[in-house]
Amino acid sequence: MRGGGPGERSPGGFRLRTGAEVRRPVLVRRMRPLGFCLEDVRRLLNVLGQLPDTGGPLPATGEQAHEELVTTLRKYWERADARGEDLRGELRAAEDFAGAPHGRLPRLPAASAASRKAVR
């Protein structure tokens, strides 16, 4: 996507955004439920911006800098995976709790319509 400096607009009046400006809000929405803060998003965007596209050459800073970027990226993946597993566990527990009354309902005596309305 072509983009320029702040405030640049297309001939149709639309604001031109750089690739990073487009990716940032998407990344925020995806990372926030996993417990990442805005600073984490900034750092991750910085790392991603320094890594070459697939098949590209290593950065001019050399192989060691590249390995440090990959290590940082791997740490984000590991944190995201761990938090995702925590969330899946919380969801299983919530589903177990929510499903528990359903198993008991058929064993309960039929209640009057008035008492069922009172529970809601």
N, C-alpha and C. Protein backbone atom coordinates (compact mmCIF):
# COMPACT_ATOMS: atom_id res chain seq x y z
N MET A 1 0.85 -1.18 0.00
CA MET A 1 0.00 0.00 0.00
C MET A 1 0.88 1.22 0.00
N ARG A 2 0.51 2.15 -0.81
CA ARG A 2 1.27 3.39 -0.92
C ARG A 2 0.77 4.35 0.16
N GLY A 3 1.67 5.01 0.78
CA GLY A 3 1.28 5.98 1.79
C GLY A 3 2.37 7.00 1.94
N GLY A 4 2.02 8.09 2.52
CA GLY A 4 3.00 9.14 2.67
C GLY A 4 3.03 9.62 4.09
N GLY A 5 3.38 10.86 4.22
CA GLY A 5 3.48 11.46 5.54
C GLY A 5 2.10 11.72 6.13
N PRO A 6 2.09 12.18 7.36
CA PRO A 6 0.82 12.46 8.02
C PRO A 6 0.00 13.48 7.24
N GLY A 7 -1.25 13.20 7.10
CA GLY A 7 -2.14 14.14 6.45
C GLY A 7 -2.21 14.02 4.94
N GLU A 8 -1.38 13.17 4.35
CA GLU A 8 -1.45 13.03 2.89
C GLU A 8 -2.75 12.33 2.52
N ARG A 9 -3.32 12.79 1.40
CA ARG A 9 -4.61 12.25 0.96
C ARG A 9 -4.54 11.86 -0.51
N SER A 10 -5.40 10.91 -0.85
CA SER A 10 -5.51 10.49 -2.24
C SER A 10 -6.28 11.54 -3.01
N PRO A 11 -6.28 11.47 -4.35
CA PRO A 11 -7.07 12.43 -5.14
C PRO A 11 -8.55 12.39 -4.77
N GLY A 12 -9.04 11.25 -4.27
CA GLY A 12 -10.44 11.14 -3.86
C GLY A 12 -10.69 11.64 -2.45
N GLY A 13 -9.64 12.10 -1.76
CA GLY A 13 -9.80 12.65 -0.42
C GLY A 13 -9.58 11.65 0.71
N PHE A 14 -9.23 10.40 0.38
CA PHE A 14 -9.00 9.41 1.43
C PHE A 14 -7.60 9.55 1.99
N ARG A 15 -7.47 9.34 3.29
CA ARG A 15 -6.16 9.42 3.93
C ARG A 15 -5.31 8.26 3.48
N LEU A 16 -4.07 8.55 3.10
CA LEU A 16 -3.12 7.51 2.69
C LEU A 16 -2.41 7.00 3.93
N ARG A 17 -2.39 5.68 4.07
CA ARG A 17 -1.76 5.06 5.23
C ARG A 17 -0.64 4.15 4.79
N THR A 18 0.40 4.09 5.61
CA THR A 18 1.49 3.16 5.33
C THR A 18 1.05 1.77 5.78
N GLY A 19 1.81 0.77 5.37
CA GLY A 19 1.50 -0.60 5.78
C GLY A 19 1.47 -0.75 7.29
N ALA A 20 2.42 -0.12 7.97
CA ALA A 20 2.48 -0.21 9.44
C ALA A 20 1.25 0.44 10.07
N GLU A 21 0.77 1.54 9.49
CA GLU A 21 -0.42 2.20 10.03
C GLU A 21 -1.66 1.34 9.87
N VAL A 22 -1.69 0.53 8.83
CA VAL A 22 -2.83 -0.36 8.61
C VAL A 22 -2.73 -1.57 9.55
N ARG A 23 -1.53 -2.09 9.73
CA ARG A 23 -1.34 -3.29 10.57
C ARG A 23 -1.53 -3.01 12.06
N ARG A 24 -1.18 -1.82 12.50
CA ARG A 24 -1.17 -1.52 13.94
C ARG A 24 -2.53 -1.79 14.61
N PRO A 25 -3.64 -1.21 14.15
CA PRO A 25 -4.91 -1.47 14.85
C PRO A 25 -5.35 -2.93 14.78
N VAL A 26 -5.02 -3.59 13.69
CA VAL A 26 -5.36 -5.02 13.57
C VAL A 26 -4.58 -5.81 14.61
N LEU A 27 -3.30 -5.50 14.74
CA LEU A 27 -2.45 -6.19 15.71
C LEU A 27 -2.91 -5.91 17.13
N VAL A 28 -3.30 -4.67 17.42
CA VAL A 28 -3.81 -4.33 18.75
C VAL A 28 -5.03 -5.18 19.08
N ARG A 29 -5.97 -5.26 18.15
CA ARG A 29 -7.20 -6.05 18.38
C ARG A 29 -6.89 -7.52 18.60
N ARG A 30 -5.88 -8.03 17.95
CA ARG A 30 -5.55 -9.44 18.08
C ARG A 30 -4.72 -9.73 19.32
N MET A 31 -3.90 -8.79 19.75
CA MET A 31 -3.01 -9.03 20.88
C MET A 31 -3.64 -8.70 22.23
N ARG A 32 -4.56 -7.74 22.26
CA ARG A 32 -5.13 -7.28 23.52
C ARG A 32 -5.78 -8.42 24.32
N PRO A 33 -6.61 -9.31 23.73
CA PRO A 33 -7.21 -10.39 24.52
C PRO A 33 -6.18 -11.36 25.10
N LEU A 34 -4.98 -11.33 24.55
CA LEU A 34 -3.93 -12.22 25.04
C LEU A 34 -3.09 -11.55 26.14
N GLY A 35 -3.49 -10.34 26.54
CA GLY A 35 -2.82 -9.67 27.65
C GLY A 35 -1.65 -8.79 27.24
N PHE A 36 -1.48 -8.55 25.96
CA PHE A 36 -0.39 -7.67 25.52
C PHE A 36 -0.84 -6.22 25.61
N CYS A 37 0.09 -5.34 25.97
CA CYS A 37 -0.21 -3.91 26.06
C CYS A 37 0.23 -3.21 24.77
N LEU A 38 -0.06 -1.92 24.68
CA LEU A 38 0.31 -1.15 23.49
C LEU A 38 1.82 -1.12 23.27
N GLU A 39 2.58 -1.09 24.34
CA GLU A 39 4.04 -1.10 24.20
C GLU A 39 4.50 -2.41 23.57
N ASP A 40 3.86 -3.53 23.94
CA ASP A 40 4.17 -4.81 23.31
C ASP A 40 3.89 -4.75 21.81
N VAL A 41 2.79 -4.13 21.45
CA VAL A 41 2.43 -3.99 20.03
C VAL A 41 3.50 -3.18 19.31
N ARG A 42 3.92 -2.07 19.91
CA ARG A 42 4.96 -1.23 19.30
C ARG A 42 6.25 -2.03 19.10
N ARG A 43 6.64 -2.77 20.14
CA ARG A 43 7.87 -3.55 20.05
C ARG A 43 7.76 -4.61 18.96
N LEU A 44 6.63 -5.30 18.92
CA LEU A 44 6.45 -6.34 17.92
C LEU A 44 6.46 -5.75 16.51
N LEU A 45 5.78 -4.62 16.31
CA LEU A 45 5.81 -3.97 15.00
C LEU A 45 7.24 -3.57 14.62
N ASN A 46 8.00 -3.11 15.59
CA ASN A 46 9.40 -2.75 15.35
C ASN A 46 10.20 -3.97 14.92
N VAL A 47 10.01 -5.08 15.61
CA VAL A 47 10.72 -6.31 15.25
C VAL A 47 10.32 -6.76 13.84
N LEU A 48 9.01 -6.78 13.59
CA LEU A 48 8.53 -7.21 12.28
C LEU A 48 9.04 -6.29 11.17
N GLY A 49 9.14 -5.00 11.47
CA GLY A 49 9.64 -4.04 10.49
C GLY A 49 11.11 -4.21 10.18
N GLN A 50 11.86 -4.78 11.11
CA GLN A 50 13.30 -4.98 10.90
C GLN A 50 13.63 -6.31 10.23
N LEU A 51 12.70 -7.26 10.31
CA LEU A 51 12.95 -8.56 9.68
C LEU A 51 12.70 -8.46 8.19
N PRO A 52 13.52 -9.12 7.41
CA PRO A 52 13.30 -9.08 5.96
C PRO A 52 12.05 -9.89 5.60
N ASP A 53 11.42 -9.50 4.50
CA ASP A 53 10.29 -10.30 4.01
C ASP A 53 10.81 -11.68 3.65
N THR A 54 9.92 -12.63 3.54
CA THR A 54 10.34 -14.00 3.24
C THR A 54 11.21 -14.01 2.00
N GLY A 55 12.32 -14.68 2.14
CA GLY A 55 13.25 -14.80 1.02
C GLY A 55 14.18 -13.61 0.83
N GLY A 56 14.00 -12.57 1.63
CA GLY A 56 14.85 -11.39 1.49
C GLY A 56 16.20 -11.59 2.15
N PRO A 57 17.12 -10.69 1.89
CA PRO A 57 18.45 -10.79 2.50
C PRO A 57 18.39 -10.42 3.99
N LEU A 58 19.40 -10.85 4.71
CA LEU A 58 19.51 -10.48 6.13
C LEU A 58 19.73 -8.98 6.23
N PRO A 59 19.31 -8.37 7.36
CA PRO A 59 19.53 -6.94 7.52
C PRO A 59 21.03 -6.61 7.50
N ALA A 60 21.32 -5.38 7.18
CA ALA A 60 22.71 -4.93 7.07
C ALA A 60 23.44 -5.06 8.41
N THR A 61 22.69 -5.09 9.53
CA THR A 61 23.32 -5.15 10.84
C THR A 61 23.92 -6.53 11.12
N GLY A 62 23.60 -7.53 10.30
CA GLY A 62 24.27 -8.81 10.42
C GLY A 62 23.42 -9.92 11.01
N GLU A 63 24.06 -11.07 11.02
CA GLU A 63 23.37 -12.29 11.44
C GLU A 63 22.99 -12.27 12.93
N GLN A 64 23.86 -11.73 13.78
CA GLN A 64 23.57 -11.70 15.21
C GLN A 64 22.33 -10.85 15.50
N ALA A 65 22.22 -9.70 14.87
CA ALA A 65 21.05 -8.84 15.06
C ALA A 65 19.80 -9.55 14.55
N HIS A 66 19.93 -10.26 13.44
CA HIS A 66 18.80 -11.02 12.90
C HIS A 66 18.36 -12.08 13.90
N GLU A 67 19.30 -12.80 14.47
CA GLU A 67 18.96 -13.84 15.45
C GLU A 67 18.28 -13.24 16.69
N GLU A 68 18.70 -12.06 17.11
CA GLU A 68 18.06 -11.40 18.25
C GLU A 68 16.61 -11.04 17.92
N LEU A 69 16.37 -10.58 16.71
CA LEU A 69 15.01 -10.27 16.29
C LEU A 69 14.14 -11.53 16.26
N VAL A 70 14.69 -12.60 15.73
CA VAL A 70 13.95 -13.87 15.68
C VAL A 70 13.67 -14.38 17.09
N THR A 71 14.63 -14.25 17.98
CA THR A 71 14.43 -14.67 19.38
C THR A 71 13.32 -13.85 20.03
N THR A 72 13.32 -12.56 19.80
CA THR A 72 12.27 -11.70 20.36
C THR A 72 10.91 -12.09 19.80
N LEU A 73 10.84 -12.33 18.51
CA LEU A 73 9.59 -12.75 17.88
C LEU A 73 9.12 -14.08 18.45
N ARG A 74 10.02 -15.00 18.64
CA ARG A 74 9.69 -16.31 19.22
C ARG A 74 9.11 -16.15 20.63
N LYS A 75 9.66 -15.23 21.41
CA LYS A 75 9.14 -14.99 22.78
C LYS A 75 7.69 -14.49 22.73
N TYR A 76 7.38 -13.62 21.76
CA TYR A 76 5.99 -13.18 21.61
C TYR A 76 5.08 -14.35 21.27
N TRP A 77 5.53 -15.21 20.36
CA TRP A 77 4.73 -16.39 20.00
C TRP A 77 4.49 -17.28 21.21
N GLU A 78 5.56 -17.50 22.00
CA GLU A 78 5.43 -18.36 23.19
C GLU A 78 4.46 -17.76 24.19
N ARG A 79 4.54 -16.46 24.43
CA ARG A 79 3.59 -15.80 25.34
C ARG A 79 2.17 -15.92 24.82
N ALA A 80 2.00 -15.70 23.52
CA ALA A 80 0.66 -15.80 22.92
C ALA A 80 0.12 -17.22 23.03
N ASP A 81 0.95 -18.21 22.77
CA ASP A 81 0.52 -19.61 22.89
C ASP A 81 0.12 -19.95 24.32
N ALA A 82 0.95 -19.52 25.28
CA ALA A 82 0.66 -19.81 26.69
C ALA A 82 -0.65 -19.14 27.12
N ARG A 83 -0.83 -17.90 26.76
CA ARG A 83 -2.06 -17.18 27.14
C ARG A 83 -3.26 -17.79 26.44
N GLY A 84 -3.10 -18.21 25.19
CA GLY A 84 -4.19 -18.87 24.48
C GLY A 84 -4.60 -20.15 25.19
N GLU A 85 -3.63 -20.91 25.67
CA GLU A 85 -3.95 -22.13 26.42
C GLU A 85 -4.67 -21.80 27.72
N ASP A 86 -4.23 -20.75 28.41
CA ASP A 86 -4.92 -20.31 29.63
C ASP A 86 -6.38 -19.95 29.32
N LEU A 87 -6.59 -19.20 28.25
CA LEU A 87 -7.95 -18.80 27.88
C LEU A 87 -8.81 -20.00 27.51
N ARG A 88 -8.23 -20.99 26.81
CA ARG A 88 -8.99 -22.19 26.48
C ARG A 88 -9.39 -22.94 27.75
N GLY A 89 -8.51 -22.98 28.75
CA GLY A 89 -8.84 -23.61 30.03
C GLY A 89 -9.96 -22.87 30.75
N GLU A 90 -9.89 -21.54 30.74
CA GLU A 90 -10.95 -20.75 31.36
C GLU A 90 -12.28 -20.97 30.65
N LEU A 91 -12.25 -21.06 29.33
CA LEU A 91 -13.47 -21.30 28.56
C LEU A 91 -14.04 -22.67 28.88
N ARG A 92 -13.19 -23.70 28.98
CA ARG A 92 -13.69 -25.04 29.34
C ARG A 92 -14.36 -25.02 30.71
N ALA A 93 -13.74 -24.32 31.68
CA ALA A 93 -14.32 -24.24 33.02
C ALA A 93 -15.66 -23.50 32.98
N ALA A 94 -15.74 -22.43 32.20
CA ALA A 94 -17.00 -21.68 32.10
C ALA A 94 -18.07 -22.53 31.43
N GLU A 95 -17.72 -23.26 30.39
CA GLU A 95 -18.69 -24.12 29.71
C GLU A 95 -19.16 -25.24 30.64
N ASP A 96 -18.24 -25.81 31.44
CA ASP A 96 -18.64 -26.84 32.41
C ASP A 96 -19.64 -26.28 33.41
N PHE A 97 -19.36 -25.08 33.91
CA PHE A 97 -20.26 -24.45 34.87
C PHE A 97 -21.61 -24.16 34.23
N ALA A 98 -21.58 -23.58 33.04
CA ALA A 98 -22.83 -23.21 32.37
C ALA A 98 -23.64 -24.45 32.01
N GLY A 99 -22.99 -25.55 31.72
CA GLY A 99 -23.71 -26.76 31.35
C GLY A 99 -24.22 -27.56 32.53
N ALA A 100 -23.69 -27.32 33.74
CA ALA A 100 -24.08 -28.11 34.92
C ALA A 100 -25.57 -28.06 35.20
N PRO A 101 -26.24 -26.92 35.19
CA PRO A 101 -27.68 -26.92 35.50
C PRO A 101 -28.51 -27.70 34.48
N HIS A 102 -28.07 -27.77 33.25
CA HIS A 102 -28.84 -28.45 32.22
C HIS A 102 -28.99 -29.93 32.53
N GLY A 103 -27.99 -30.54 33.11
CA GLY A 103 -28.07 -31.96 33.46
C GLY A 103 -29.04 -32.21 34.61
N ARG A 104 -29.27 -31.24 35.43
CA ARG A 104 -30.16 -31.39 36.59
C ARG A 104 -31.60 -31.07 36.26
N LEU A 105 -31.85 -30.27 35.24
CA LEU A 105 -33.21 -29.82 34.94
C LEU A 105 -34.20 -30.96 34.75
N PRO A 106 -33.88 -32.01 34.00
CA PRO A 106 -34.87 -33.06 33.81
C PRO A 106 -35.26 -33.76 35.11
N ARG A 107 -34.41 -33.74 36.12
CA ARG A 107 -34.69 -34.40 37.39
C ARG A 107 -35.51 -33.54 38.34
N LEU A 108 -35.63 -32.26 38.07
CA LEU A 108 -36.38 -31.37 38.94
C LEU A 108 -37.87 -31.49 38.65
N PRO A 109 -38.69 -31.38 39.69
CA PRO A 109 -40.14 -31.41 39.43
C PRO A 109 -40.54 -30.20 38.59
N ALA A 110 -41.57 -30.40 37.82
CA ALA A 110 -42.06 -29.30 36.98
C ALA A 110 -42.48 -28.15 37.86
N ALA A 111 -42.05 -26.96 37.50
CA ALA A 111 -42.38 -25.77 38.27
C ALA A 111 -43.50 -25.03 37.56
N SER A 112 -44.21 -24.24 38.31
CA SER A 112 -45.28 -23.46 37.69
C SER A 112 -44.68 -22.39 36.80
N ALA A 113 -45.45 -21.90 35.87
CA ALA A 113 -45.00 -20.85 34.96
C ALA A 113 -44.58 -19.62 35.75
N ALA A 114 -45.28 -19.31 36.83
CA ALA A 114 -44.97 -18.12 37.62
C ALA A 114 -43.59 -18.25 38.26
N SER A 115 -43.25 -19.42 38.78
CA SER A 115 -41.94 -19.56 39.42
C SER A 115 -40.82 -19.54 38.39
N ARG A 116 -41.08 -20.07 37.19
CA ARG A 116 -40.05 -20.01 36.14
C ARG A 116 -39.79 -18.56 35.73
N LYS A 117 -40.84 -17.75 35.67
CA LYS A 117 -40.67 -16.34 35.31
C LYS A 117 -39.89 -15.61 36.40
N ALA A 118 -40.10 -15.98 37.66
CA ALA A 118 -39.42 -15.32 38.76
C ALA A 118 -37.91 -15.57 38.72
N VAL A 119 -37.51 -16.73 38.23
CA VAL A 119 -36.09 -17.06 38.15
C VAL A 119 -35.40 -16.21 37.09
N ARG A 120 -36.09 -15.88 36.04
CA ARG A 120 -35.48 -15.09 34.96
C ARG A 120 -35.28 -13.73 35.47
